[in-house]
Amino acid sequence: MSQSPAIELVGIDKKFGTVHANKDINLTVAKGTIHGIIGENGAGKSTLMSIIYGFYHADSGEIRVNGTPVVIRDSQAAIATGIGMVHQHFMLVENFTVLENVMLGVEGGALLARGVASARTELKRLETDYGLEVDPDAVIEELPVGLQQRVEILKAMYRGAEILILDEPTGVLTPAEADHLFRILRVLRDQGKTVILITHKLREIMAITDTVSVMRRGEMVATRKTSETTVEELAELMVGRRVLLRVEKGPANPGDFVLSVRNLTVKDSRGVVMVDNVSFDVRAGEIVGIAGVAGNGQSELLEALAGIRKPASGEILLNGKTIDKVDPALLRSLGLAHIPEDRHHMGLVLKFEEYENSVLGYHHDPAYSRGPFLNLDAMRKDAEDKIKKYDIRPPNARLRTANFSGGNQQKIVVAREIERDPKMLLIGQPTRGVDIGAIEFIHRRIIEMRDAGKAILLVSVELDEIRALSDRILVMFAGHVVGEKTADAGEQTLGLMMAGIAA
């Protein structure tokens, strides 16, 4: 007798106004497997998973868990059904401990002490069984993101999850943290749990999943055994056309110095030195990449160069002019544009409509003014042009930015900054949370900027991206630039340097 699927979706349909997010979706996920769900940003992946977890209700269709039809009205009902979810943006109380976060909502009755003791025992068992080691008394805000994610998985397992949904789980992880997550997921699978993995990273799909389903524009277009498909086939199924999986670029033609950094030292909000006596130059017509594990000073360096954080000492020169005060508006007027690492906290106001974010920071430009007032018609027309040029979905300049997928939010930021035609472009994590079709597009635009004579400084935790785009690579470790390599440097060489081992 064959085993019932862990999850089965039959005819799931969901609309948001005129947007048809899920169109008659059928999906079967076998028990004890890792099942990948891939698709471009806006394809409907997260909406579908949110229906399974009770955040949204399908307009029609049926959900079956272990062969039994279920009605999942909210997340509590999903948990009671044995479904847990780890979101792309963690749902943790940052000033609570690990133990407090895991217990939150399931404290075990009025006698809290008894519940705490029981929770400690259960946490220890989960850590041992699944390799989820983390200090139960550690405060969340003091943990690196990899351990915070582990806490989210522990929360789900503590609540009895047999089916675990992970939404873009490696978007905030270093390569080493991602590898550790995959080891955990394999252990979960081998012990009978079912894992649904939403991601846009095809290399991860090939490395970790047993089966993969592909969504495109709200429809389920294919399901494949991972061992019987290829990256090229999956990319074409996602996008609906052949996708170039490598960056094509000719040699750089560096010109004059645009950005010069001399003996720069930058401290974080706690007063800790994060950038320590760093010097380098970026010329017109070249891409200088900064490689390094997150947390080694790259973020603080970008913030100082963008005029967001005041350096402790040192000198920054832009087109030969010394920048001696924290003033992003001044830098924009001198031809510097900035695609920040964190689009939510530094790139967008999520409550604003798309057209408002499309000109954010440049809204005082005469092109968007009518005397002392903003020219809303001009702003909306400009936004509609960018939407068309950058294929931002859905193509609605009046939609609140929070309602766009992460990848389309990123396109809004990229379009805003690149379309200003800057002389100097600072880029932080340009394709974080972005699907393969959009990655191809953004990479091509960055190369076009270089070939048009723009100076580009690129920071990315994706080593493949750094190697593919950069003409020169600087490696940062513990706040220092520990070396410079050409673009053909091997991954192992760069990896050793990123770990602080001279190479």
Protein backbone atom coordinates (compact mmCIF):
# COMPACT_ATOMS: atom_id res chain seq x y z
CA MET A 1 0.00 0.00 0.00
CA SER A 2 1.54 3.32 -1.09
CA GLN A 3 2.10 6.07 1.45
CA SER A 4 -0.06 9.21 1.27
CA PRO A 5 1.77 12.40 0.27
CA ALA A 6 2.81 14.75 3.08
CA ILE A 7 1.13 17.64 1.26
CA GLU A 8 -1.17 17.65 -1.73
CA LEU A 9 -2.62 20.78 -3.33
CA VAL A 10 -5.56 20.41 -5.69
CA GLY A 11 -6.73 23.33 -7.86
CA ILE A 12 -5.45 26.10 -5.59
CA ASP A 13 -6.42 29.50 -6.98
CA LYS A 14 -5.77 32.95 -5.49
CA LYS A 15 -6.29 36.50 -6.74
CA PHE A 16 -5.33 39.85 -5.21
CA GLY A 17 -7.55 42.28 -7.05
CA THR A 18 -6.47 42.07 -10.70
CA VAL A 19 -3.30 40.11 -9.86
CA HIS A 20 -3.79 36.36 -10.38
CA ALA A 21 -1.10 35.10 -7.99
CA ASN A 22 -1.89 31.36 -8.12
CA LYS A 23 -3.69 29.77 -11.08
CA ASP A 24 -5.23 26.32 -10.49
CA ILE A 25 -2.13 24.93 -8.75
CA ASN A 26 -1.68 21.17 -8.31
CA LEU A 27 1.28 19.95 -6.26
CA THR A 28 2.25 16.69 -4.57
CA VAL A 29 5.06 16.55 -1.99
CA ALA A 30 6.16 13.07 -0.91
CA LYS A 31 6.88 12.31 2.74
CA GLY A 32 10.47 12.27 3.90
CA THR A 33 11.80 14.29 0.97
CA ILE A 34 13.26 17.73 0.31
CA HIS A 35 11.04 19.31 -2.35
CA GLY A 36 12.18 22.52 -4.02
CA ILE A 37 9.83 25.20 -5.32
CA ILE A 38 11.49 27.61 -7.77
CA GLY A 39 10.36 30.44 -9.97
CA GLU A 40 11.04 34.05 -10.78
CA ASN A 41 10.19 36.76 -8.29
CA GLY A 42 6.45 37.29 -8.48
CA ALA A 43 5.84 33.76 -9.80
CA GLY A 44 3.56 33.01 -6.83
CA LYS A 45 5.83 30.76 -4.74
CA SER A 46 5.55 32.64 -1.46
CA THR A 47 1.80 33.18 -1.93
CA LEU A 48 1.33 29.43 -2.35
CA MET A 49 3.33 28.63 0.77
CA SER A 50 1.47 31.34 2.70
CA ILE A 51 -1.80 29.59 1.78
CA ILE A 52 -0.44 26.31 3.15
CA TYR A 53 0.60 28.10 6.35
CA GLY A 54 -2.71 29.92 6.79
CA PHE A 55 -1.57 33.51 6.15
CA TYR A 56 -3.77 33.65 3.05
CA HIS A 57 -6.90 31.71 2.14
CA ALA A 58 -7.26 30.26 -1.33
CA ASP A 59 -10.24 31.44 -3.37
CA SER A 60 -10.77 27.82 -4.42
CA GLY A 61 -9.06 24.45 -4.22
CA GLU A 62 -8.17 21.92 -1.55
CA ILE A 63 -5.22 21.20 0.75
CA ARG A 64 -4.61 17.62 1.87
CA VAL A 65 -2.16 16.67 4.62
CA ASN A 66 -1.24 12.98 4.83
CA GLY A 67 -4.14 12.25 2.47
CA THR A 68 -6.77 14.05 4.58
CA PRO A 69 -8.45 17.29 3.42
CA VAL A 70 -7.77 20.13 5.90
CA VAL A 71 -8.92 23.71 6.35
CA ILE A 72 -6.04 25.94 7.45
CA ARG A 73 -7.56 29.20 8.66
CA ASP A 74 -4.44 30.63 10.33
CA SER A 75 -0.88 29.78 11.37
CA GLN A 76 -2.10 28.17 14.60
CA ALA A 77 -4.16 25.74 12.53
CA ALA A 78 -1.13 25.04 10.33
CA ILE A 79 1.00 24.29 13.40
CA ALA A 80 -1.72 22.02 14.79
CA THR A 81 -1.67 20.17 11.45
CA GLY A 82 2.10 19.63 11.77
CA ILE A 83 3.27 22.39 9.41
CA GLY A 84 6.04 24.81 10.39
CA MET A 85 7.47 27.72 8.41
CA VAL A 86 10.77 29.61 8.53
CA HIS A 87 10.29 32.99 6.85
CA GLN A 88 12.79 34.92 4.78
CA HIS A 89 12.72 37.69 7.39
CA PHE A 90 12.91 36.08 10.82
CA MET A 91 9.98 36.30 13.25
CA LEU A 92 12.02 36.56 16.46
CA VAL A 93 11.88 38.92 19.45
CA GLU A 94 15.42 40.28 19.35
CA ASN A 95 15.82 41.09 23.07
CA PHE A 96 14.48 37.67 24.15
CA THR A 97 16.69 34.65 24.69
CA VAL A 98 16.63 31.59 22.44
CA LEU A 99 14.60 29.70 25.04
CA GLU A 100 12.08 32.52 25.45
CA ASN A 101 11.58 32.74 21.67
CA VAL A 102 11.09 29.00 21.32
CA MET A 103 8.54 28.95 24.17
CA LEU A 104 6.67 32.09 23.12
CA GLY A 105 3.00 31.20 22.64
CA VAL A 106 3.42 27.66 24.02
CA GLU A 107 4.60 28.47 27.55
CA GLY A 108 3.10 25.33 29.11
CA GLY A 109 0.50 26.87 31.45
CA ALA A 110 0.49 29.26 34.39
CA LEU A 111 3.41 27.59 36.19
CA LEU A 112 6.10 29.07 33.98
CA ALA A 113 9.01 27.47 35.83
CA ARG A 114 7.71 23.99 35.05
CA GLY A 115 7.31 24.98 31.37
CA VAL A 116 10.86 26.37 31.24
CA ALA A 117 12.35 23.18 32.64
CA SER A 118 10.37 21.07 30.18
CA ALA A 119 11.38 23.34 27.28
CA ARG A 120 15.08 23.09 28.18
CA THR A 121 14.85 19.30 28.14
CA GLU A 122 13.05 19.27 24.79
CA LEU A 123 15.49 21.79 23.26
CA LYS A 124 18.40 19.62 24.30
CA ARG A 125 16.78 16.62 22.61
CA LEU A 126 16.13 18.57 19.41
CA GLU A 127 19.69 19.89 19.34
CA THR A 128 21.06 16.37 19.73
CA ASP A 129 18.72 14.70 17.26
CA TYR A 130 18.99 17.27 14.46
CA GLY A 131 22.35 19.03 14.95
CA LEU A 132 20.66 22.31 15.91
CA GLU A 133 23.11 23.33 18.64
CA VAL A 134 22.56 26.83 20.03
CA ASP A 135 22.90 28.32 23.53
CA PRO A 136 19.34 28.47 24.96
CA ASP A 137 20.28 31.48 27.12
CA ALA A 138 21.81 33.54 24.31
CA VAL A 139 19.99 36.77 23.42
CA ILE A 140 18.78 36.74 19.80
CA GLU A 141 20.21 40.14 18.81
CA GLU A 142 23.68 38.96 19.82
CA LEU A 143 23.57 35.89 17.56
CA PRO A 144 24.77 35.79 13.93
CA VAL A 145 22.04 35.31 11.34
CA GLY A 146 22.93 31.64 10.80
CA LEU A 147 22.18 30.84 14.44
CA GLN A 148 19.05 33.02 14.40
CA GLN A 149 17.77 30.91 11.54
CA ARG A 150 18.56 27.79 13.55
CA VAL A 151 16.33 29.18 16.31
CA GLU A 152 13.49 29.55 13.81
CA ILE A 153 13.87 25.88 12.85
CA LEU A 154 13.96 24.93 16.54
CA LYS A 155 10.72 26.89 17.11
CA ALA A 156 8.99 24.89 14.38
CA MET A 157 10.35 21.55 15.59
CA TYR A 158 9.41 22.36 19.20
CA ARG A 159 5.83 22.84 18.05
CA GLY A 160 5.83 19.38 16.48
CA ALA A 161 6.36 20.21 12.80
CA GLU A 162 6.50 17.19 10.50
CA ILE A 163 6.48 19.41 7.41
CA LEU A 164 8.91 22.35 7.37
CA ILE A 165 8.64 25.18 4.81
CA LEU A 166 11.70 27.41 4.32
CA ASP A 167 11.33 30.62 2.29
CA GLU A 168 14.62 31.73 0.66
CA PRO A 169 16.59 30.40 3.66
CA THR A 170 20.09 31.19 2.40
CA GLY A 171 19.45 34.80 1.36
CA VAL A 172 21.13 36.11 4.54
CA LEU A 173 23.68 33.31 5.08
CA THR A 174 27.35 33.03 4.28
CA PRO A 175 28.38 30.05 2.11
CA ALA A 176 29.61 28.19 5.21
CA GLU A 177 26.32 28.87 7.06
CA ALA A 178 24.36 27.69 4.02
CA ASP A 179 26.34 24.45 3.92
CA HIS A 180 25.59 23.87 7.62
CA LEU A 181 21.88 24.53 7.01
CA PHE A 182 21.88 21.91 4.25
CA ARG A 183 23.44 19.36 6.60
CA ILE A 184 20.62 20.06 9.08
CA LEU A 185 17.97 19.66 6.36
CA ARG A 186 19.42 16.32 5.28
CA VAL A 187 19.27 15.09 8.87
CA LEU A 188 15.63 16.22 9.12
CA ARG A 189 14.80 14.38 5.90
CA ASP A 190 16.65 11.24 6.93
CA GLN A 191 14.65 11.17 10.17
CA GLY A 192 11.35 11.27 8.27
CA LYS A 193 10.54 14.98 8.18
CA THR A 194 9.37 16.63 4.96
CA VAL A 195 11.06 19.84 3.81
CA ILE A 196 9.70 22.32 1.25
CA LEU A 197 12.43 24.69 0.10
CA ILE A 198 11.56 27.93 -1.72
CA THR A 199 14.62 29.36 -3.44
CA HIS A 200 15.77 31.02 -6.64
CA LYS A 201 19.31 29.59 -6.40
CA LEU A 202 19.53 26.73 -8.84
CA ARG A 203 22.84 25.46 -7.51
CA GLU A 204 21.18 24.96 -4.12
CA ILE A 205 18.28 23.12 -5.74
CA MET A 206 20.68 20.72 -7.43
CA ALA A 207 22.69 20.22 -4.23
CA ILE A 208 19.96 19.60 -1.66
CA THR A 209 16.57 18.64 -3.15
CA ASP A 210 15.08 15.29 -4.19
CA THR A 211 12.34 16.80 -6.35
CA VAL A 212 11.80 20.28 -7.78
CA SER A 213 8.66 22.03 -9.01
CA VAL A 214 8.81 25.12 -11.22
CA MET A 215 6.35 28.03 -11.13
CA ARG A 216 6.02 30.73 -13.77
CA ARG A 217 3.61 33.66 -13.62
CA GLY A 218 1.33 32.02 -11.09
CA GLU A 219 1.22 28.59 -12.74
CA MET A 220 2.92 25.29 -11.90
CA VAL A 221 4.69 24.49 -15.17
CA ALA A 222 6.78 21.41 -14.34
CA THR A 223 7.92 18.96 -11.67
CA ARG A 224 11.18 17.04 -12.06
CA LYS A 225 13.27 14.58 -10.10
CA THR A 226 16.34 16.64 -9.33
CA SER A 227 18.66 13.85 -10.48
CA GLU A 228 16.98 13.88 -13.90
CA THR A 229 17.19 17.59 -14.70
CA THR A 230 19.85 20.26 -15.23
CA VAL A 231 20.42 23.85 -14.20
CA GLU A 232 19.92 24.90 -17.82
CA GLU A 233 16.53 23.16 -18.12
CA LEU A 234 15.28 24.60 -14.81
CA ALA A 235 16.39 28.11 -15.76
CA GLU A 236 14.53 27.89 -19.06
CA LEU A 237 11.41 26.53 -17.35
CA MET A 238 11.50 29.39 -14.80
CA VAL A 239 11.91 32.20 -17.29
CA GLY A 240 10.23 30.77 -20.39
CA ARG A 241 13.33 31.30 -22.54
CA ARG A 242 16.96 30.32 -22.62
CA VAL A 243 18.96 32.10 -19.92
CA LEU A 244 22.63 33.03 -20.08
CA LEU A 245 24.11 31.50 -16.91
CA ARG A 246 27.48 33.22 -17.19
CA VAL A 247 28.46 36.88 -17.32
CA GLU A 248 29.82 37.91 -20.71
CA LYS A 249 32.19 40.83 -20.56
CA GLY A 250 35.25 42.06 -22.40
CA PRO A 251 38.40 43.49 -20.81
CA ALA A 252 38.09 46.69 -18.79
CA ASN A 253 39.51 50.00 -19.99
CA PRO A 254 40.25 51.87 -16.75
CA GLY A 255 40.45 55.64 -16.95
CA ASP A 256 40.91 58.38 -14.37
CA PHE A 257 40.57 57.89 -10.63
CA VAL A 258 36.97 58.50 -9.55
CA LEU A 259 37.05 57.24 -5.96
CA SER A 260 40.13 57.30 -3.74
CA VAL A 261 40.12 56.01 -0.16
CA ARG A 262 43.10 56.81 2.08
CA ASN A 263 43.74 55.27 5.52
CA LEU A 264 40.02 55.02 6.23
CA THR A 265 38.90 53.85 9.68
CA VAL A 266 35.20 53.36 10.44
CA LYS A 267 33.54 52.35 13.72
CA ASP A 268 30.12 50.77 14.21
CA SER A 269 27.37 52.06 16.51
CA ARG A 270 29.06 50.40 19.50
CA GLY A 271 32.36 52.17 18.83
CA VAL A 272 34.05 48.99 17.58
CA VAL A 273 36.50 49.49 14.70
CA MET A 274 35.04 47.67 11.68
CA VAL A 275 37.17 49.22 8.90
CA ASP A 276 40.81 49.56 9.90
CA ASN A 277 43.16 51.86 7.97
CA VAL A 278 41.92 50.85 4.50
CA SER A 279 43.20 52.41 1.26
CA PHE A 280 42.26 51.73 -2.38
CA ASP A 281 41.17 53.41 -5.63
CA VAL A 282 38.43 52.84 -8.18
CA ARG A 283 38.88 54.12 -11.73
CA ALA A 284 36.36 55.02 -14.39
CA GLY A 285 35.51 52.00 -16.53
CA GLU A 286 36.28 49.27 -14.01
CA ILE A 287 34.50 47.14 -11.43
CA VAL A 288 36.32 46.64 -8.15
CA GLY A 289 34.80 43.83 -6.13
CA ILE A 290 35.14 43.41 -2.37
CA ALA A 291 35.03 39.79 -1.27
CA GLY A 292 34.65 38.72 2.34
CA VAL A 293 32.48 36.89 4.79
CA ALA A 294 29.66 39.12 6.07
CA GLY A 295 30.63 41.08 9.18
CA ASN A 296 34.22 41.86 8.21
CA GLY A 297 33.65 45.58 7.61
CA GLN A 298 32.19 45.67 4.12
CA SER A 299 28.84 47.08 5.26
CA GLU A 300 30.43 49.87 7.33
CA LEU A 301 32.79 50.70 4.45
CA LEU A 302 29.89 51.12 2.03
CA GLU A 303 27.96 53.25 4.53
CA ALA A 304 30.96 55.56 4.99
CA LEU A 305 31.48 55.90 1.24
CA ALA A 306 27.76 56.60 0.73
CA GLY A 307 27.77 59.40 3.31
CA ILE A 308 25.60 57.49 5.78
CA ARG A 309 28.23 56.81 8.47
CA LYS A 310 30.93 59.26 9.58
CA PRO A 311 34.46 57.82 9.39
CA ALA A 312 36.61 57.92 12.52
CA SER A 313 39.64 58.96 10.46
CA GLY A 314 41.05 58.90 6.95
CA GLU A 315 40.11 60.55 3.69
CA ILE A 316 37.57 59.91 0.92
CA LEU A 317 38.00 61.66 -2.42
CA LEU A 318 35.31 61.65 -5.13
CA ASN A 319 36.44 63.05 -8.49
CA GLY A 320 39.36 64.63 -6.63
CA LYS A 321 37.14 66.41 -4.11
CA THR A 322 37.58 65.55 -0.43
CA ILE A 323 34.34 64.42 1.22
CA ASP A 324 34.54 65.57 4.81
CA LYS A 325 30.95 65.44 6.04
CA VAL A 326 28.08 62.95 6.27
CA ASP A 327 25.77 64.13 3.51
CA PRO A 328 24.25 61.65 1.03
CA ALA A 329 22.54 64.50 -0.86
CA LEU A 330 25.92 66.16 -1.51
CA LEU A 331 27.36 62.90 -2.82
CA ARG A 332 24.38 62.39 -5.12
CA SER A 333 24.95 65.88 -6.53
CA LEU A 334 28.57 64.88 -7.26
CA GLY A 335 27.47 61.86 -9.28
CA LEU A 336 27.52 59.06 -6.71
CA ALA A 337 24.69 56.51 -6.56
CA HIS A 338 24.22 53.78 -3.97
CA ILE A 339 22.39 50.46 -4.14
CA PRO A 340 22.34 49.53 -0.43
CA GLU A 341 22.80 46.03 0.97
CA ASP A 342 19.50 46.07 2.88
CA ARG A 343 16.71 47.30 0.63
CA HIS A 344 14.12 47.25 3.44
CA HIS A 345 16.03 49.36 5.94
CA MET A 346 18.04 51.61 3.65
CA GLY A 347 16.64 51.43 0.11
CA LEU A 348 12.88 51.67 0.34
CA VAL A 349 9.97 52.95 2.39
CA LEU A 350 7.71 49.92 2.16
CA LYS A 351 4.53 51.88 2.95
CA PHE A 352 5.13 54.19 -0.03
CA GLU A 353 3.70 53.46 -3.45
CA GLU A 354 6.10 52.21 -6.11
CA TYR A 355 6.38 55.54 -7.91
CA GLU A 356 7.36 57.30 -4.67
CA ASN A 357 10.22 54.87 -4.04
CA SER A 358 11.21 55.12 -7.69
CA VAL A 359 12.43 58.69 -7.11
CA LEU A 360 13.27 58.49 -3.40
CA GLY A 361 16.34 60.61 -2.66
CA TYR A 362 16.04 62.35 -6.03
CA HIS A 363 12.58 63.83 -5.47
CA HIS A 364 13.99 67.39 -5.27
CA ASP A 365 15.15 67.11 -8.88
CA PRO A 366 13.48 69.80 -11.04
CA ALA A 367 12.12 67.03 -13.29
CA TYR A 368 9.79 66.00 -10.45
CA SER A 369 8.82 69.50 -9.29
CA ARG A 370 6.11 71.97 -10.11
CA GLY A 371 7.24 75.10 -8.31
CA PRO A 372 7.40 74.32 -4.57
CA PHE A 373 5.30 71.17 -5.06
CA LEU A 374 6.05 67.67 -6.29
CA ASN A 375 4.87 66.90 -9.81
CA LEU A 376 3.13 63.59 -9.16
CA ASP A 377 2.27 63.05 -12.83
CA ALA A 378 5.94 63.35 -13.80
CA MET A 379 6.96 61.02 -10.97
CA ARG A 380 4.42 58.39 -12.03
CA LYS A 381 5.38 58.64 -15.71
CA ASP A 382 9.05 58.21 -14.78
CA ALA A 383 8.18 55.20 -12.61
CA GLU A 384 6.14 53.61 -15.39
CA ASP A 385 9.10 53.96 -17.78
CA LYS A 386 11.39 52.22 -15.28
CA ILE A 387 8.82 49.48 -14.65
CA LYS A 388 8.76 48.72 -18.37
CA LYS A 389 12.53 48.93 -18.84
CA TYR A 390 13.34 46.75 -15.80
CA ASP A 391 10.35 44.37 -16.12
CA ILE A 392 9.10 45.14 -12.59
CA ARG A 393 6.10 42.97 -11.71
CA PRO A 394 3.27 43.63 -11.27
CA PRO A 395 3.53 46.68 -13.58
CA ASN A 396 1.65 49.01 -11.25
CA ALA A 397 3.27 52.27 -10.11
CA ARG A 398 0.42 52.89 -7.62
CA LEU A 399 0.92 49.60 -5.73
CA ARG A 400 2.40 49.80 -2.24
CA THR A 401 6.03 48.70 -2.36
CA ALA A 402 5.46 46.21 0.47
CA ASN A 403 3.23 44.25 -1.90
CA PHE A 404 6.01 43.54 -4.40
CA SER A 405 8.16 40.42 -4.08
CA GLY A 406 11.69 40.88 -2.73
CA GLY A 407 13.28 40.58 -6.15
CA ASN A 408 10.98 43.18 -7.67
CA GLN A 409 11.65 45.50 -4.73
CA GLN A 410 15.35 45.10 -5.57
CA LYS A 411 14.66 46.02 -9.19
CA ILE A 412 12.96 49.23 -8.02
CA VAL A 413 16.15 50.23 -6.16
CA VAL A 414 18.47 49.18 -8.99
CA ALA A 415 16.41 51.08 -11.58
CA ARG A 416 16.29 54.22 -9.44
CA GLU A 417 20.07 54.36 -8.95
CA ILE A 418 21.31 53.20 -12.36
CA GLU A 419 18.92 55.42 -14.31
CA ARG A 420 20.50 58.48 -12.69
CA ASP A 421 23.54 57.74 -14.89
CA PRO A 422 26.02 58.22 -12.02
CA LYS A 423 29.79 58.58 -12.37
CA MET A 424 30.38 56.38 -9.33
CA LEU A 425 28.12 53.49 -8.36
CA LEU A 426 28.34 51.75 -4.97
CA ILE A 427 26.59 48.39 -5.01
CA GLY A 428 25.84 46.21 -2.00
CA GLN A 429 24.51 42.67 -2.60
CA PRO A 430 22.96 43.55 -5.99
CA THR A 431 21.11 40.25 -6.48
CA ARG A 432 20.20 39.23 -2.91
CA GLY A 433 16.80 37.52 -3.06
CA VAL A 434 16.62 37.93 -6.84
CA ASP A 435 15.68 35.19 -9.32
CA ILE A 436 17.86 33.96 -12.15
CA GLY A 437 16.22 35.97 -14.93
CA ALA A 438 16.56 39.20 -12.93
CA ILE A 439 20.15 38.31 -11.97
CA GLU A 440 21.04 38.02 -15.66
CA PHE A 441 19.41 41.42 -16.31
CA ILE A 442 21.07 43.21 -13.36
CA HIS A 443 24.50 41.77 -14.18
CA ARG A 444 24.15 42.93 -17.79
CA ARG A 445 23.23 46.46 -16.67
CA ILE A 446 26.25 46.59 -14.33
CA ILE A 447 28.59 45.56 -17.18
CA GLU A 448 26.95 48.15 -19.45
CA MET A 449 27.63 50.80 -16.81
CA ARG A 450 31.30 49.78 -16.67
CA ASP A 451 31.61 49.81 -20.45
CA ALA A 452 30.07 53.31 -20.50
CA GLY A 453 33.01 54.50 -18.35
CA LYS A 454 31.39 54.42 -14.91
CA ALA A 455 33.37 53.49 -11.79
CA ILE A 456 31.79 50.66 -9.80
CA LEU A 457 32.52 49.32 -6.31
CA LEU A 458 30.77 46.00 -5.72
CA VAL A 459 30.23 44.22 -2.39
CA SER A 460 28.68 40.76 -2.42
CA VAL A 461 28.75 37.66 -0.22
CA GLU A 462 28.24 35.61 -3.40
CA LEU A 463 31.81 34.74 -4.37
CA ASP A 464 30.67 33.55 -7.81
CA GLU A 465 29.16 37.00 -8.41
CA ILE A 466 32.32 38.81 -7.32
CA ARG A 467 34.48 36.64 -9.59
CA ALA A 468 32.11 36.96 -12.56
CA LEU A 469 31.69 40.75 -12.47
CA SER A 470 34.91 42.19 -11.04
CA ASP A 471 37.98 43.37 -12.89
CA ARG A 472 39.95 43.57 -9.63
CA ILE A 473 39.07 41.87 -6.33
CA LEU A 474 39.94 43.23 -2.88
CA VAL A 475 39.56 40.77 -0.01
CA MET A 476 38.49 42.02 3.43
CA PHE A 477 39.06 40.20 6.70
CA ALA A 478 38.58 41.66 10.21
CA GLY A 479 38.31 45.20 8.84
CA HIS A 480 41.50 45.05 6.76
CA VAL A 481 42.06 44.70 3.04
CA VAL A 482 44.28 41.62 3.20
CA GLY A 483 45.06 41.43 -0.48
CA GLU A 484 44.15 42.16 -4.08
CA LYS A 485 43.65 39.60 -6.84
CA THR A 486 42.71 39.64 -10.50
CA ALA A 487 39.32 38.38 -11.64
CA ASP A 488 40.72 34.98 -12.61
CA ALA A 489 41.75 34.17 -9.02
CA GLY A 490 40.62 30.73 -7.93
CA GLU A 491 37.77 30.20 -5.46
CA GLN A 492 40.06 28.35 -3.05
CA THR A 493 42.63 31.16 -3.06
CA LEU A 494 39.98 33.79 -2.34
CA GLY A 495 38.34 31.56 0.26
CA LEU A 496 41.60 31.23 2.20
CA MET A 497 42.08 34.99 2.14
CA MET A 498 38.49 35.52 3.32
CA ALA A 499 39.30 33.24 6.28
CA GLY A 500 42.33 35.37 7.17
CA ILE A 501 44.87 32.93 5.78
CA ALA A 502 47.34 34.68 3.50
CA ALA A 503 47.31 33.35 -0.06
